[in-house]
């Protein structure tokens, strides 16, 4: 992978991870690095899933692929978000 591919993957990971955080209600206790990693993983898995169902290569913006990626990022952020423990 070339350096431009790595840099674009980082920016796409930030964007997808950020959108994933936006769709999850409430406050998430997850770092920017973890958000970026979740976003990159969601982008990869979402693209793979979109290619399996045949919607990855459409004319224009691939809205279904984007929805899959953001949904997966939201699920990843929710899974990794830790709740503060309350002591009584």
Foldseek 3Di string as FASTA:
>chain_A
DDPVVVVVLQVQLQVLLVLLCVVADDDFPDDSVQSSVQLSVLLVVLLVVCVVVPQNDDPDDSVSSSVSSSPSSNVSSVVPGDDDDDDD
